[in-house]
Amino acid sequence: MNRIMNSSNSSLKNKWSRDELILAFNLYCKTPFGKIHHNNKDIISLASIIKRSPSAVSLKLSNFARLDPALQERNIAGMSHGSKSEVDVWEEFNNNWEALAYQSESILAHYRDIPLEESAKINNTDLPPVGKERESLIKIRVNQSFFRQMVMASYDSKCCVTGISVPELLVAGHIVPWSVDESNRLNPCNGLCLNSLHDAAFDKGLMTITPEYRIKLSSVLKEDKNTSLWFNRFDGAKITLPKKFVPSTEFIEYHHDHVFKG
């Protein structure tokens, strides 16, 4: 009888709750693919929070990797087996990045037993003391921080045009502008890691990317001889694609057709 009860308790413990799966996917989004292993300090930290082993958390992140189209495209499938619950969480995020990003960060703060602002490491010095305005601003900043971390992790914190890897000079830019498509504001496939200069050019439509992932400059940049060092030599070159969350060609085509000035 005791053996049966112990076996049942063990089975219940091994089953991941929805919150735990959401936290694992949150970390998957923020972790470069090559750093998914049990010695990663962030994996160790999450394991401690949810009272599981680092190996178990690492395995769960690898299970999520099997669902990533970018990795499947490169014949890197992660773990070959997983549960339907992982598929469900993957689809929840992909169907509503904005809601699930914030929800996952809120769950993480709850598990850590610290304020959301502190857990998400956002600047709160200029926030109103209390009220709906504060809550709204916190949500925006939490989601913006989550988007940046996803894009930085996908591109190994390197500019996809120049290879610059100084964090202070890098921007997680949107392909379809933030103001245009609310449903894809937090979609990592709508993100590019660019240095500040090339991000500004991309944002202003002076530079775009083709569906073949090649850089295309506007005539404004091509005709200005002073830009050759920073722009012209990259014209036609292929960007460095991310390890995860490859930019959607649908978003790229939108930028080319509606933002790029040709």
Foldseek 3Di string as FASTA:
>chain_A
DVVVVVVVVVVVLLDDDLLLLLLLVLVLLLAAPVPLDLVRVVLCVSCVLSVHHSRSSSLSSLCLQLVFPLCVVVVNRRDPDDDVSNVVSVVVCVQAVLVSQLVSLVSVCVSVVHDSCVSLVFDCPPADPDDDRNVVVSSVRSLLSSLFSSQCSQAVQAAQQPRDRDNVQKDFAFLQHCVPDVRCNSQNLRTGIHGPVVSVCLQQQQWAAALVQAIAGHVVQVVDPVCCVPPVVRHGPHTRATSGNGHDNVSRVCSNVPRHPD
